[in-house]
Protein backbone atom coordinates (compact mmCIF):
# COMPACT_ATOMS: atom_id res chain seq x y z
CA UNK A 1 104.15 99.69 131.62
CA UNK A 2 104.14 96.38 129.63
CA UNK A 3 103.63 96.60 125.87
CA UNK A 4 100.07 95.96 124.65
CA UNK A 5 99.54 92.73 122.72
CA UNK A 6 97.26 92.81 119.67
CA UNK A 7 95.44 89.84 118.33
CA UNK A 8 95.10 89.34 114.61
CA UNK A 9 91.51 90.62 114.84
CA UNK A 10 92.71 93.69 116.74
CA UNK A 11 95.26 94.49 114.08
CA UNK A 12 92.53 94.10 111.48
CA UNK A 13 90.26 96.58 113.18
CA UNK A 14 93.06 99.13 113.66
CA UNK A 15 93.98 99.01 109.97
CA UNK A 16 90.27 99.09 108.80
CA UNK A 17 89.77 102.22 110.87
CA UNK A 18 92.70 103.99 109.25
CA UNK A 19 91.68 102.75 105.82
CA UNK A 20 88.17 104.24 106.21
CA UNK A 21 86.61 100.73 106.02
CA UNK A 22 84.84 100.53 109.43
CA UNK A 23 82.48 103.27 108.27
CA UNK A 24 82.16 105.59 105.32
CA UNK A 25 83.42 109.06 106.07
CA UNK A 26 82.50 112.50 104.76
CA UNK A 27 85.94 113.48 103.37
CA UNK A 28 86.95 115.02 100.05
CA UNK A 29 88.82 112.77 97.66
CA UNK A 30 92.25 114.51 97.81
CA UNK A 31 92.21 114.42 101.64
CA UNK A 32 91.03 110.84 101.72
CA UNK A 33 93.74 109.73 99.32
CA UNK A 34 96.36 111.47 101.56
CA UNK A 35 95.00 109.70 104.60
CA UNK A 36 95.22 106.41 102.75
CA UNK A 37 98.85 107.14 101.83
CA UNK A 38 97.90 106.92 98.15
CA UNK A 39 95.87 104.42 96.21
CA UNK A 40 97.41 101.91 93.80
CA UNK A 41 96.26 102.85 90.33
CA UNK A 42 97.65 100.41 87.77
CA UNK A 43 94.23 100.70 86.16
CA UNK A 44 92.18 103.91 86.05
CA UNK A 45 88.93 102.52 87.48
CA UNK A 46 89.99 100.94 90.78
CA UNK A 47 90.62 104.05 92.89
CA UNK A 48 87.10 105.24 92.09
CA UNK A 49 85.71 102.01 93.45
CA UNK A 50 88.07 102.16 96.40
CA UNK A 51 86.83 105.58 97.38
CA UNK A 52 83.22 104.57 96.80
CA UNK A 53 83.73 101.92 99.46
CA UNK A 54 85.24 104.41 101.88
CA UNK A 55 83.52 107.77 101.47
CA UNK A 56 79.99 108.86 102.20
CA UNK A 57 77.96 109.79 99.17
CA UNK A 58 80.92 109.52 96.88
CA UNK A 59 80.45 110.18 93.16
CA UNK A 60 82.95 109.76 90.47
CA UNK A 61 82.97 113.34 89.32
CA UNK A 62 84.27 114.55 92.70
CA UNK A 63 87.48 112.53 92.11
CA UNK A 64 87.69 113.57 88.44
CA UNK A 65 87.39 117.26 89.35
CA UNK A 66 90.22 116.87 91.97
CA UNK A 67 92.38 115.27 89.23
CA UNK A 68 91.50 118.07 86.76
CA UNK A 69 92.31 120.72 89.43
CA UNK A 70 95.69 118.93 89.93
CA UNK A 71 94.91 118.21 93.61
CA UNK A 72 95.42 114.54 92.82
CA UNK A 73 97.97 113.05 90.36
CA UNK A 74 98.70 109.66 88.95
CA UNK A 75 102.33 108.60 88.66
CA UNK A 76 104.98 105.99 89.50
CA UNK A 77 105.50 105.67 93.24
CA UNK A 78 105.67 102.85 95.80
CA UNK A 79 107.01 99.52 94.57
CA UNK A 80 107.46 101.20 91.14
CA UNK A 81 103.80 101.00 90.43
CA UNK A 82 101.23 103.64 89.44
CA UNK A 83 99.44 105.35 92.30
CA UNK A 84 97.02 108.16 92.80
CA UNK A 85 98.49 110.59 95.25
CA UNK A 86 97.52 113.95 96.64
CA UNK A 87 99.51 116.69 95.04
CA UNK A 88 101.46 117.46 98.28
CA UNK A 89 102.34 113.86 98.88
CA UNK A 90 103.60 113.29 95.30
CA UNK A 91 105.84 116.32 95.62
CA UNK A 92 107.12 115.32 99.01
CA UNK A 93 107.57 111.58 98.64
CA UNK A 94 108.63 111.08 94.99
CA UNK A 95 112.30 112.17 95.78
CA UNK A 96 112.20 109.69 98.71
CA UNK A 97 111.39 106.82 96.35
CA UNK A 98 113.99 107.71 93.65
CA UNK A 99 116.83 105.49 95.06
CA UNK A 100 114.39 102.52 95.09
CA UNK A 101 113.22 103.26 91.53
CA UNK A 102 116.85 103.42 90.32
CA UNK A 103 117.56 100.09 91.96
CA UNK A 104 114.44 98.58 90.24
CA UNK A 105 115.83 99.67 86.86
CA UNK A 106 119.19 98.18 87.67
CA UNK A 107 117.63 94.96 88.81
CA UNK A 108 115.62 94.60 85.61
CA UNK A 109 118.57 95.39 83.26
CA UNK A 110 121.32 93.73 85.46
CA UNK A 111 124.63 93.86 83.64
CA UNK A 112 123.16 95.89 80.70
CA UNK A 113 122.34 98.95 82.89
CA UNK A 114 125.73 100.46 82.27
CA UNK A 115 125.04 100.68 78.55
CA UNK A 116 122.59 103.62 79.19
CA UNK A 117 123.54 107.27 79.83
CA UNK A 118 120.81 107.98 82.39
CA UNK A 119 121.52 111.70 82.49
CA UNK A 120 121.23 112.11 78.70
CA UNK A 121 118.18 110.04 78.32
CA UNK A 122 116.33 111.77 81.20
CA UNK A 123 117.25 115.17 79.80
CA UNK A 124 115.99 114.21 76.31
CA UNK A 125 112.76 112.86 77.74
CA UNK A 126 112.26 115.96 79.91
CA UNK A 127 112.62 118.25 76.84
CA UNK A 128 110.21 116.05 74.92
CA UNK A 129 107.44 115.94 77.53
CA UNK A 130 107.91 119.68 78.37
CA UNK A 131 106.92 120.71 74.79
CA UNK A 132 103.55 119.09 75.30
CA UNK A 133 102.07 116.05 77.09
CA UNK A 134 102.76 112.93 75.00
CA UNK A 135 102.24 109.20 75.15
CA UNK A 136 105.07 106.73 75.83
CA UNK A 137 104.76 105.38 72.34
CA UNK A 138 105.63 108.84 71.08
CA UNK A 139 108.52 109.10 73.57
CA UNK A 140 109.94 105.77 72.44
CA UNK A 141 109.95 106.87 68.79
CA UNK A 142 111.61 110.14 69.75
CA UNK A 143 114.32 108.39 71.78
CA UNK A 144 114.87 105.81 69.03
CA UNK A 145 115.67 108.63 66.63
CA UNK A 146 117.98 110.25 69.15
CA UNK A 147 119.73 107.12 70.32
CA UNK A 148 119.38 104.61 67.41
CA UNK A 149 121.68 101.96 68.91
CA UNK A 150 119.65 101.46 72.13
CA UNK A 151 116.53 99.45 72.75
CA UNK A 152 113.53 101.78 72.66
CA UNK A 153 111.45 99.92 75.31
CA UNK A 154 114.40 99.76 77.64
CA UNK A 155 114.94 103.55 77.21
CA UNK A 156 111.25 104.10 77.91
CA UNK A 157 111.42 102.04 81.15
CA UNK A 158 114.56 103.84 82.26
CA UNK A 159 112.75 107.17 81.80
CA UNK A 160 109.74 105.97 83.73
CA UNK A 161 111.97 104.99 86.65
CA UNK A 162 114.11 108.20 86.68
CA UNK A 163 111.98 111.12 85.44
CA UNK A 164 109.09 112.15 87.73
CA UNK A 165 106.11 112.12 85.39
CA UNK A 166 102.33 112.34 85.89
CA UNK A 167 99.51 111.07 83.59
CA UNK A 168 97.26 113.64 82.03
CA UNK A 169 93.42 113.26 82.47
CA UNK A 170 91.27 113.38 79.37
CA UNK A 171 87.88 114.96 78.89
CA UNK A 172 85.16 112.38 78.48
CA UNK A 173 87.13 109.41 79.88
CA UNK A 174 84.88 107.28 82.01
CA UNK A 175 87.50 107.10 84.86
CA UNK A 176 89.41 110.35 84.25
CA UNK A 177 92.28 108.70 82.37
CA UNK A 178 92.23 107.09 78.89
CA UNK A 179 93.86 103.67 78.40
CA UNK A 180 96.78 105.30 76.54
CA UNK A 181 97.29 108.38 78.70
CA UNK A 182 99.67 111.15 77.91
CA UNK A 183 102.38 112.17 80.30
CA UNK A 184 103.87 115.44 81.49
CA UNK A 185 106.89 116.32 83.66
CA UNK A 186 105.52 116.49 87.12
CA UNK A 187 107.37 119.72 88.05
CA UNK A 188 105.93 121.46 84.96
CA UNK A 189 102.41 120.10 85.47
CA UNK A 190 102.34 121.02 89.12
CA UNK A 191 104.40 124.21 88.89
CA UNK A 192 106.60 123.21 91.78
CA UNK A 193 110.07 121.80 92.27
CA UNK A 194 110.61 118.48 93.93
CA UNK A 195 113.85 118.95 95.89
CA UNK A 196 112.85 118.08 99.44
CA UNK A 197 114.20 115.65 102.03
CA UNK A 198 115.00 112.35 100.42
CA UNK A 199 115.05 110.41 103.71
CA UNK A 200 112.25 107.86 104.20
CA UNK A 201 111.30 109.00 107.74
CA UNK A 202 108.20 111.04 106.82
CA UNK A 203 107.01 108.42 104.40
CA UNK A 204 107.29 105.77 107.17
CA UNK A 205 105.23 107.87 109.52
CA UNK A 206 102.54 108.37 106.87
CA UNK A 207 102.58 104.58 106.28
CA UNK A 208 101.94 103.95 109.92
CA UNK A 209 99.07 106.46 110.06
CA UNK A 210 97.46 104.61 107.11
CA UNK A 211 98.28 100.99 107.88
CA UNK A 212 99.70 100.65 111.40
CA UNK A 213 100.54 99.09 113.75
CA UNK A 214 103.15 97.46 111.60
CA UNK A 215 106.72 96.18 111.40
CA UNK A 216 109.64 97.79 109.59
CA UNK A 217 109.44 94.84 107.18
CA UNK A 218 105.82 95.72 106.46
CA UNK A 219 106.81 99.23 105.56
CA UNK A 220 109.57 97.98 103.22
CA UNK A 221 107.11 95.66 101.51
CA UNK A 222 104.60 98.50 100.92
CA UNK A 223 107.16 101.14 99.84
CA UNK A 224 109.94 99.07 98.29
CA UNK A 225 112.34 101.27 100.27
CA UNK A 226 115.28 99.61 102.01
CA UNK A 227 115.79 101.26 105.41
CA UNK A 228 119.27 102.74 106.08
CA UNK A 229 121.14 101.85 109.28
CA UNK A 230 119.82 103.88 112.20
CA UNK A 231 116.53 104.57 110.47
CA UNK A 232 114.43 102.73 113.02
CA UNK A 233 116.23 104.30 116.00
CA UNK A 234 115.70 107.71 114.47
CA UNK A 235 111.93 107.10 114.47
CA UNK A 236 111.53 105.51 117.93
CA UNK A 237 111.13 108.75 119.90
CA UNK A 238 108.03 109.54 117.81
CA UNK A 239 106.51 106.02 118.10
CA UNK A 240 105.02 103.57 120.50
CA UNK A 241 105.59 99.85 120.28
CA UNK A 242 103.13 97.01 120.75
CA UNK A 243 103.31 93.24 120.21
CA UNK A 244 101.34 90.93 118.07
CA UNK A 245 100.18 87.56 119.36
CA UNK A 246 103.36 85.94 118.18
CA UNK A 247 105.49 88.32 120.16
CA UNK A 248 106.75 90.39 117.27
CA UNK A 249 107.34 94.16 117.84
CA UNK A 250 105.00 96.45 115.90
CA UNK A 251 105.46 100.23 115.59
CA UNK A 252 102.68 102.84 115.71
CA UNK A 253 101.85 106.46 116.15
CA UNK A 254 100.82 107.33 119.73
CA UNK A 255 97.50 108.87 118.85
CA UNK A 256 96.49 106.54 115.92
CA UNK A 257 93.06 104.83 116.21
CA UNK A 258 93.17 101.39 117.77
CA UNK A 259 89.50 100.36 118.13
CA UNK A 260 88.33 97.39 120.15
CA UNK A 261 88.68 94.08 118.32
CA UNK A 262 84.97 93.45 118.90
CA UNK A 263 83.91 96.41 116.76
CA UNK A 264 81.66 95.38 113.93
CA UNK A 265 83.11 95.63 110.39
CA UNK A 266 80.62 95.89 107.59
CA UNK A 267 80.96 94.06 104.27
CA UNK A 268 83.03 96.05 101.82
CA UNK A 269 84.04 95.63 98.10
CA UNK A 270 87.65 96.40 97.28
CA UNK A 271 88.86 96.93 93.68
CA UNK A 272 91.69 95.26 91.89
CA UNK A 273 95.08 96.09 93.48
CA UNK A 274 93.65 97.75 96.49
CA UNK A 275 96.43 98.83 98.79
CA UNK A 276 94.92 97.05 101.78
CA UNK A 277 95.79 93.82 100.20
CA UNK A 278 99.39 94.85 99.30
CA UNK A 279 100.55 96.89 102.28
CA UNK A 280 102.11 94.23 104.46
CA UNK A 281 104.79 91.54 104.45
CA UNK A 282 102.53 89.52 106.80
CA UNK A 283 99.00 89.93 105.41
CA UNK A 284 97.19 87.66 107.89
CA UNK A 285 95.50 90.81 109.39
CA UNK A 286 93.44 90.99 106.11
CA UNK A 287 93.56 87.56 104.55
CA UNK A 288 94.04 84.01 105.97
CA UNK A 289 97.15 82.23 104.71
CA UNK A 290 95.09 79.46 103.18
CA UNK A 291 93.31 82.01 100.94
CA UNK A 292 96.43 83.87 99.78
CA UNK A 293 97.05 81.57 96.68
CA UNK A 294 93.55 82.49 95.49
CA UNK A 295 94.47 86.10 94.95
CA UNK A 296 98.28 86.49 94.76
CA UNK A 297 99.32 84.65 91.68
CA UNK A 298 102.28 84.46 89.42
CA UNK A 299 100.79 86.90 86.87
CA UNK A 300 101.04 89.65 89.56
CA UNK A 301 97.41 90.49 89.04
CA UNK A 302 95.47 91.09 92.28
CA UNK A 303 91.75 90.57 91.76
CA UNK A 304 88.92 92.60 93.31
CA UNK A 305 88.01 91.18 96.69
CA UNK A 306 85.18 91.52 99.17
CA UNK A 307 85.54 91.72 102.98
CA UNK A 308 83.33 89.92 105.49
CA UNK A 309 83.95 90.71 109.14
CA UNK A 310 86.97 92.71 108.03
CA UNK A 311 88.74 89.89 106.21
CA UNK A 312 89.02 88.99 102.56
CA UNK A 313 86.30 86.38 101.95
CA UNK A 314 86.16 86.10 98.21
CA UNK A 315 86.61 87.78 94.84
CA UNK A 316 84.13 89.59 92.69
CA UNK A 317 83.76 90.92 89.11
CA UNK A 318 81.10 92.70 87.06
CA UNK A 319 80.02 91.44 83.66
CA UNK A 320 78.02 93.49 81.34
CA UNK A 321 75.71 92.10 78.64
CA UNK A 322 73.63 94.69 76.79
CA UNK A 323 71.33 96.21 79.39
CA UNK A 324 72.13 93.73 82.22
CA UNK A 325 75.07 94.09 84.71
CA UNK A 326 75.84 90.92 86.57
CA UNK A 327 77.92 90.98 89.87
CA UNK A 328 79.58 87.61 90.22
CA UNK A 329 80.85 86.77 93.69
CA UNK A 330 83.25 83.83 94.28
CA UNK A 331 83.51 83.13 98.05
CA UNK A 332 86.61 81.43 99.48
CA UNK A 333 84.31 79.29 101.67
CA UNK A 334 80.73 79.13 103.06
CA UNK A 335 79.04 82.42 103.86
CA UNK A 336 76.32 82.94 106.39
CA UNK A 337 72.85 83.97 105.23
CA UNK A 338 73.41 87.32 106.81
CA UNK A 339 76.69 87.86 105.04
CA UNK A 340 75.19 86.93 101.67
CA UNK A 341 72.26 89.31 102.21
CA UNK A 342 74.67 92.09 103.15
CA UNK A 343 76.86 91.41 100.19
CA UNK A 344 73.86 91.41 97.86
CA UNK A 345 72.59 94.70 99.18
CA UNK A 346 75.96 96.41 99.11
CA UNK A 347 76.75 94.72 95.78
CA UNK A 348 73.65 96.08 93.99
CA UNK A 349 74.71 99.61 95.01
CA UNK A 350 78.21 98.96 93.73
CA UNK A 351 77.00 97.73 90.36
CA UNK A 352 74.81 100.84 89.96
CA UNK A 353 77.83 102.99 90.71
CA UNK A 354 80.06 101.21 88.17
CA UNK A 355 77.48 100.55 85.49
CA UNK A 356 75.29 103.59 85.92
CA UNK A 357 73.42 103.07 82.60
CA UNK A 358 72.47 99.39 83.29
CA UNK A 359 68.72 98.81 83.33
CA UNK A 360 68.94 95.56 85.22
CA UNK A 361 71.27 94.18 87.87
CA UNK A 362 71.74 90.55 89.04
CA UNK A 363 73.84 89.29 91.96
CA UNK A 364 75.26 85.73 91.59
CA UNK A 365 77.25 83.62 94.07
CA UNK A 366 79.41 80.96 92.37
CA UNK A 367 81.77 78.25 93.56
């Protein structure tokens, strides 16, 4: 049987279905985060907005409670960035990512990496955080006293890359975590050892379930993990292959959803750093090449975007002035009257979710 060919639009719909963006679903936050293969969480607020866009009747307290119950944790994961992960996925996949995190540290320090005794520094940090959750400012002062000849920020970065840590939620924080969160050793916080399989095979399967069909290069871009020789051949018996409209081979799970490319995609608001915008080496399934420079900039910040017909069509932000909350939308091009009306309707609901105490809301489209 010949391999199926997927157009760009068909790839878009397959990915939206897996990312819960074709329709909101009635799923608990921890399960949704697992289905999404984690949610990038460089800032505390974006995952709340990301789940609001994906889940039926989502309220922020449901995610906060999952974090407080330790069903969801926030720690350094894919691409050496902070993510919200389900408890089980953090325990399973953090060891898989360790070789990549170690390489990131070496790449940052280059020839200076050999100056640091990784084992001694990690042991000192583990003892420090196991006494009680502490901030990284506190850790750096502690390490400076223990290792006075070494740079304190470099030591802190090394610890972040080598010691599995999770951030601690704080009572009263608007989005579960304060701006200067304390950290704890993950194994102590979760009460479970992380000594499982360090091969990336299971992580790759989870990636395809959340973002496929995709290439091996896409998986590497999302995870930061360099696949070992034979990795792809090990996986092939569990996968099917398809082609994109340029003839490239894409991998997928046999029973993963692949809806018709004609399926309607509603407008959706994505937060800063949403994983949908970062999960591929080739991102044309979610954003046109001519629009990429408008969101992927040298400062590495990825702004909040909105989707029209499944593709990134502009950026958005909320500005608060006293009792008024303004949603400002900046389209990449001309929007239809229907798209603008849909965005305004969805946008007002978004603002009332984010700025619940605002007494007035305005929606503005700007060039």
